[in-house]
Each structure stands twice: as structure tokens, then as C-alpha cells.
């Protein structure tokens, strides 16, 4: 009887460890950080997928990353965009919205 009790307790403990690991997988540490004009660094602890949508919710870029990737968005036109990070099960971990707006500056230079 003691052997069966011990085996049942061991089995229950292993289920708890597996369950804790699965829960941790859903809350992976993810960071989307602006690192300059039109550049974002996406960092994840484990693999993830980054999807970029335009203002009309059209997918314009999708890429799997393992730990870290610099996204240079200088090639995008003016408009609103959203960057979404998905886990391996395609659940949204985090997202960041941003707007690209070209700014035209004019300077006056005095000439003598």
C-alpha cells in the first residue's frame, strides 16, 4: 500500500511540474523596445513569431525569431501600424502600435 501511495504522490508532483512549465510558457518575457528612429528591437526568452499589420489590419510582414531581432521600419510608408508577438501556440503575448509620419522641416539661412 505504501508503494502505491508513494507512486501516486510522485505522479501528482510530476503533473504539477508539467503544469507549471506550461503556464510559464504562456507568459514568456517579451520586450519591444524603440532603439532609434523607426527601429524596434524585439526580445523573447524562447522562440516567437512577430507579425506586423498596417492600419487596415492587413498582415504586411511575418517572421519567426528565436531570441532577438532588430526590425528596421524605415521602408514603410506613412501610416499606422501594429507589431504583434505570438507564442508557439499563436497566442498573442504582447503588441505595440506605432505611427509613421514624415516630417518636413524648412530652414532659412541668412546670406550677407
C-alpha atoms as a PDB file:
ATOM      1  CA  UNK A   1       0.000   0.000   0.000  1.00  0.00           C
ATOM      2  CA  UNK A   2       2.864   2.403   0.827  1.00  0.00           C
ATOM      3  CA  UNK A   3       4.378   1.836  -2.630  1.00  0.00           C
ATOM      4  CA  UNK A   4       1.097   2.788  -4.318  1.00  0.00           C
ATOM      5  CA  UNK A   5       0.758   5.913  -2.169  1.00  0.00           C
ATOM      6  CA  UNK A   6       4.321   6.948  -2.955  1.00  0.00           C
ATOM      7  CA  UNK A   7       3.786   6.334  -6.682  1.00  0.00           C
ATOM      8  CA  UNK A   8       0.557   8.376  -6.648  1.00  0.00           C
ATOM      9  CA  UNK A   9       2.267  11.287  -4.855  1.00  0.00           C
ATOM     10  CA  UNK A  10       5.211  11.177  -7.279  1.00  0.00           C
ATOM     11  CA  UNK A  11       2.817  11.172 -10.254  1.00  0.00           C
ATOM     12  CA  UNK A  12       0.861  14.119  -8.835  1.00  0.00           C
ATOM     13  CA  UNK A  13       4.104  16.065  -8.242  1.00  0.00           C
ATOM     14  CA  UNK A  14       5.215  15.455 -11.844  1.00  0.00           C
ATOM     15  CA  UNK A  15       1.868  16.722 -13.150  1.00  0.00           C
ATOM     16  CA  UNK A  16       2.338  19.904 -11.120  1.00  0.00           C
ATOM     17  CA  UNK A  17       5.789  20.494 -12.635  1.00  0.00           C
ATOM     18  CA  UNK A  18       4.472  19.960 -16.182  1.00  0.00           C
ATOM     19  CA  UNK A  19       1.515  22.248 -15.483  1.00  0.00           C
ATOM     20  CA  UNK A  20       3.797  24.977 -14.086  1.00  0.00           C
ATOM     21  CA  UNK A  21       6.043  24.763 -17.153  1.00  0.00           C
ATOM     22  CA  UNK A  22       3.063  25.093 -19.491  1.00  0.00           C
ATOM     23  CA  UNK A  23       1.807  28.137 -17.585  1.00  0.00           C
ATOM     24  CA  UNK A  24       5.237  29.768 -17.727  1.00  0.00           C
ATOM     25  CA  UNK A  25       5.364  29.198 -21.476  1.00  0.00           C
ATOM     26  CA  UNK A  26       2.264  31.362 -21.936  1.00  0.00           C
ATOM     27  CA  UNK A  27       3.760  34.296 -20.059  1.00  0.00           C
ATOM     28  CA  UNK A  28       7.145  34.453 -21.745  1.00  0.00           C
ATOM     29  CA  UNK A  29       9.115  37.624 -21.042  1.00  0.00           C
ATOM     30  CA  UNK A  30       8.907  39.716 -24.202  1.00  0.00           C
ATOM     31  CA  UNK A  31      10.182  43.205 -24.872  1.00  0.00           C
ATOM     32  CA  UNK A  32       9.525  45.528 -27.820  1.00  0.00           C
ATOM     33  CA  UNK A  33      11.867  48.482 -27.449  1.00  0.00           C
ATOM     34  CA  UNK A  34      12.414  51.506 -29.663  1.00  0.00           C
ATOM     35  CA  UNK A  35      16.146  51.760 -30.397  1.00  0.00           C
ATOM     36  CA  UNK A  36      16.237  54.705 -32.762  1.00  0.00           C
ATOM     37  CA  UNK A  37      14.202  56.299 -35.478  1.00  0.00           C
ATOM     38  CA  UNK A  38      11.918  53.672 -36.996  1.00  0.00           C
ATOM     39  CA  UNK A  39      13.793  50.768 -35.361  1.00  0.00           C
ATOM     40  CA  UNK A  40      12.391  48.320 -32.808  1.00  0.00           C
ATOM     41  CA  UNK A  41      14.277  45.547 -31.008  1.00  0.00           C
ATOM     42  CA  UNK A  42      12.087  42.549 -30.188  1.00  0.00           C
ATOM     43  CA  UNK A  43      13.487  40.251 -27.492  1.00  0.00           C
ATOM     44  CA  UNK A  44      11.949  36.960 -26.338  1.00  0.00           C
ATOM     45  CA  UNK A  45      13.141  34.225 -23.973  1.00  0.00           C
ATOM     46  CA  UNK A  46      12.110  31.432 -26.323  1.00  0.00           C
ATOM     47  CA  UNK A  47      11.015  31.366 -29.941  1.00  0.00           C
ATOM     48  CA  UNK A  48       8.129  33.525 -31.080  1.00  0.00           C
ATOM     49  CA  UNK A  49       6.550  34.922 -34.232  1.00  0.00           C
ATOM     50  CA  UNK A  50       6.395  38.646 -34.978  1.00  0.00           C
ATOM     51  CA  UNK A  51       3.605  39.896 -37.231  1.00  0.00           C
ATOM     52  CA  UNK A  52       3.289  43.497 -38.461  1.00  0.00           C
ATOM     53  CA  UNK A  53      -0.129  44.798 -39.530  1.00  0.00           C
ATOM     54  CA  UNK A  54      -0.939  48.045 -41.318  1.00  0.00           C
ATOM     55  CA  UNK A  55      -3.718  50.443 -40.283  1.00  0.00           C
ATOM     56  CA  UNK A  56      -6.311  48.388 -42.167  1.00  0.00           C
ATOM     57  CA  UNK A  57      -5.292  45.201 -40.300  1.00  0.00           C
ATOM     58  CA  UNK A  58      -3.543  43.696 -43.346  1.00  0.00           C
ATOM     59  CA  UNK A  59      -0.586  41.472 -42.492  1.00  0.00           C
ATOM     60  CA  UNK A  60       2.442  43.054 -44.144  1.00  0.00           C
ATOM     61  CA  UNK A  61       5.265  41.060 -42.502  1.00  0.00           C
ATOM     62  CA  UNK A  62       5.581  37.812 -40.545  1.00  0.00           C
ATOM     63  CA  UNK A  63       8.794  36.357 -39.175  1.00  0.00           C
ATOM     64  CA  UNK A  64       9.829  33.727 -36.630  1.00  0.00           C
ATOM     65  CA  UNK A  65      12.561  34.770 -34.198  1.00  0.00           C
ATOM     66  CA  UNK A  66      14.492  32.714 -31.673  1.00  0.00           C
ATOM     67  CA  UNK A  67      15.684  35.280 -29.122  1.00  0.00           C
ATOM     68  CA  UNK A  68      16.213  38.769 -30.544  1.00  0.00           C
ATOM     69  CA  UNK A  69      15.669  40.665 -33.797  1.00  0.00           C
ATOM     70  CA  UNK A  70      16.047  44.300 -34.869  1.00  0.00           C
ATOM     71  CA  UNK A  71      13.186  45.466 -37.094  1.00  0.00           C
ATOM     72  CA  UNK A  72      14.033  48.488 -39.263  1.00  0.00           C
ATOM     73  CA  UNK A  73      10.742  50.036 -40.355  1.00  0.00           C
ATOM     74  CA  UNK A  74      12.235  52.839 -42.475  1.00  0.00           C
ATOM     75  CA  UNK A  75      10.883  51.241 -45.656  1.00  0.00           C
ATOM     76  CA  UNK A  76       7.251  51.567 -44.553  1.00  0.00           C
ATOM     77  CA  UNK A  77       5.020  54.371 -45.829  1.00  0.00           C
ATOM     78  CA  UNK A  78       3.408  56.928 -43.557  1.00  0.00           C
ATOM     79  CA  UNK A  79       0.535  55.417 -41.596  1.00  0.00           C
ATOM     80  CA  UNK A  80      -0.491  53.449 -38.517  1.00  0.00           C
ATOM     81  CA  UNK A  81       0.951  50.012 -37.798  1.00  0.00           C
ATOM     82  CA  UNK A  82       0.817  47.328 -35.123  1.00  0.00           C
ATOM     83  CA  UNK A  83       3.525  44.820 -34.185  1.00  0.00           C
ATOM     84  CA  UNK A  84       2.234  41.623 -32.543  1.00  0.00           C
ATOM     85  CA  UNK A  85       4.351  38.929 -30.858  1.00  0.00           C
ATOM     86  CA  UNK A  86       2.823  35.430 -30.815  1.00  0.00           C
ATOM     87  CA  UNK A  87       3.938  32.395 -28.805  1.00  0.00           C
ATOM     88  CA  UNK A  88       4.374  28.926 -30.317  1.00  0.00           C
ATOM     89  CA  UNK A  89       0.615  28.272 -29.963  1.00  0.00           C
ATOM     90  CA  UNK A  90      -0.216  31.504 -31.856  1.00  0.00           C
ATOM     91  CA  UNK A  91      -1.453  33.249 -28.684  1.00  0.00           C
ATOM     92  CA  UNK A  92      -0.741  36.985 -28.504  1.00  0.00           C
ATOM     93  CA  UNK A  93       1.986  37.656 -25.925  1.00  0.00           C
ATOM     94  CA  UNK A  94       2.228  41.402 -26.477  1.00  0.00           C
ATOM     95  CA  UNK A  95       1.692  44.061 -29.114  1.00  0.00           C
ATOM     96  CA  UNK A  96       2.769  47.620 -29.830  1.00  0.00           C
ATOM     97  CA  UNK A  97       1.116  50.203 -32.051  1.00  0.00           C
ATOM     98  CA  UNK A  98       3.053  52.948 -33.795  1.00  0.00           C
ATOM     99  CA  UNK A  99       2.532  55.669 -36.368  1.00  0.00           C
ATOM    100  CA  UNK A 100       4.963  56.723 -39.065  1.00  0.00           C
ATOM    101  CA  UNK A 101       4.667  60.337 -40.122  1.00  0.00           C
ATOM    102  CA  UNK A 102       7.107  62.112 -42.384  1.00  0.00           C
ATOM    103  CA  UNK A 103       8.087  65.482 -41.040  1.00  0.00           C
ATOM    104  CA  UNK A 104       9.290  68.135 -43.453  1.00  0.00           C
ATOM    105  CA  UNK A 105      11.474  70.835 -41.965  1.00  0.00           C
ATOM    106  CA  UNK A 106      12.380  74.068 -43.689  1.00  0.00           C
ATOM    107  CA  UNK A 107      15.214  76.293 -42.539  1.00  0.00           C
ATOM    108  CA  UNK A 108      16.041  79.833 -43.518  1.00  0.00           C
ATOM    109  CA  UNK A 109      19.678  80.706 -43.913  1.00  0.00           C
ATOM    110  CA  UNK A 110      20.687  84.363 -43.930  1.00  0.00           C
ATOM    111  CA  UNK A 111      23.225  85.295 -46.578  1.00  0.00           C
ATOM    112  CA  UNK A 112      25.175  88.549 -46.393  1.00  0.00           C
END
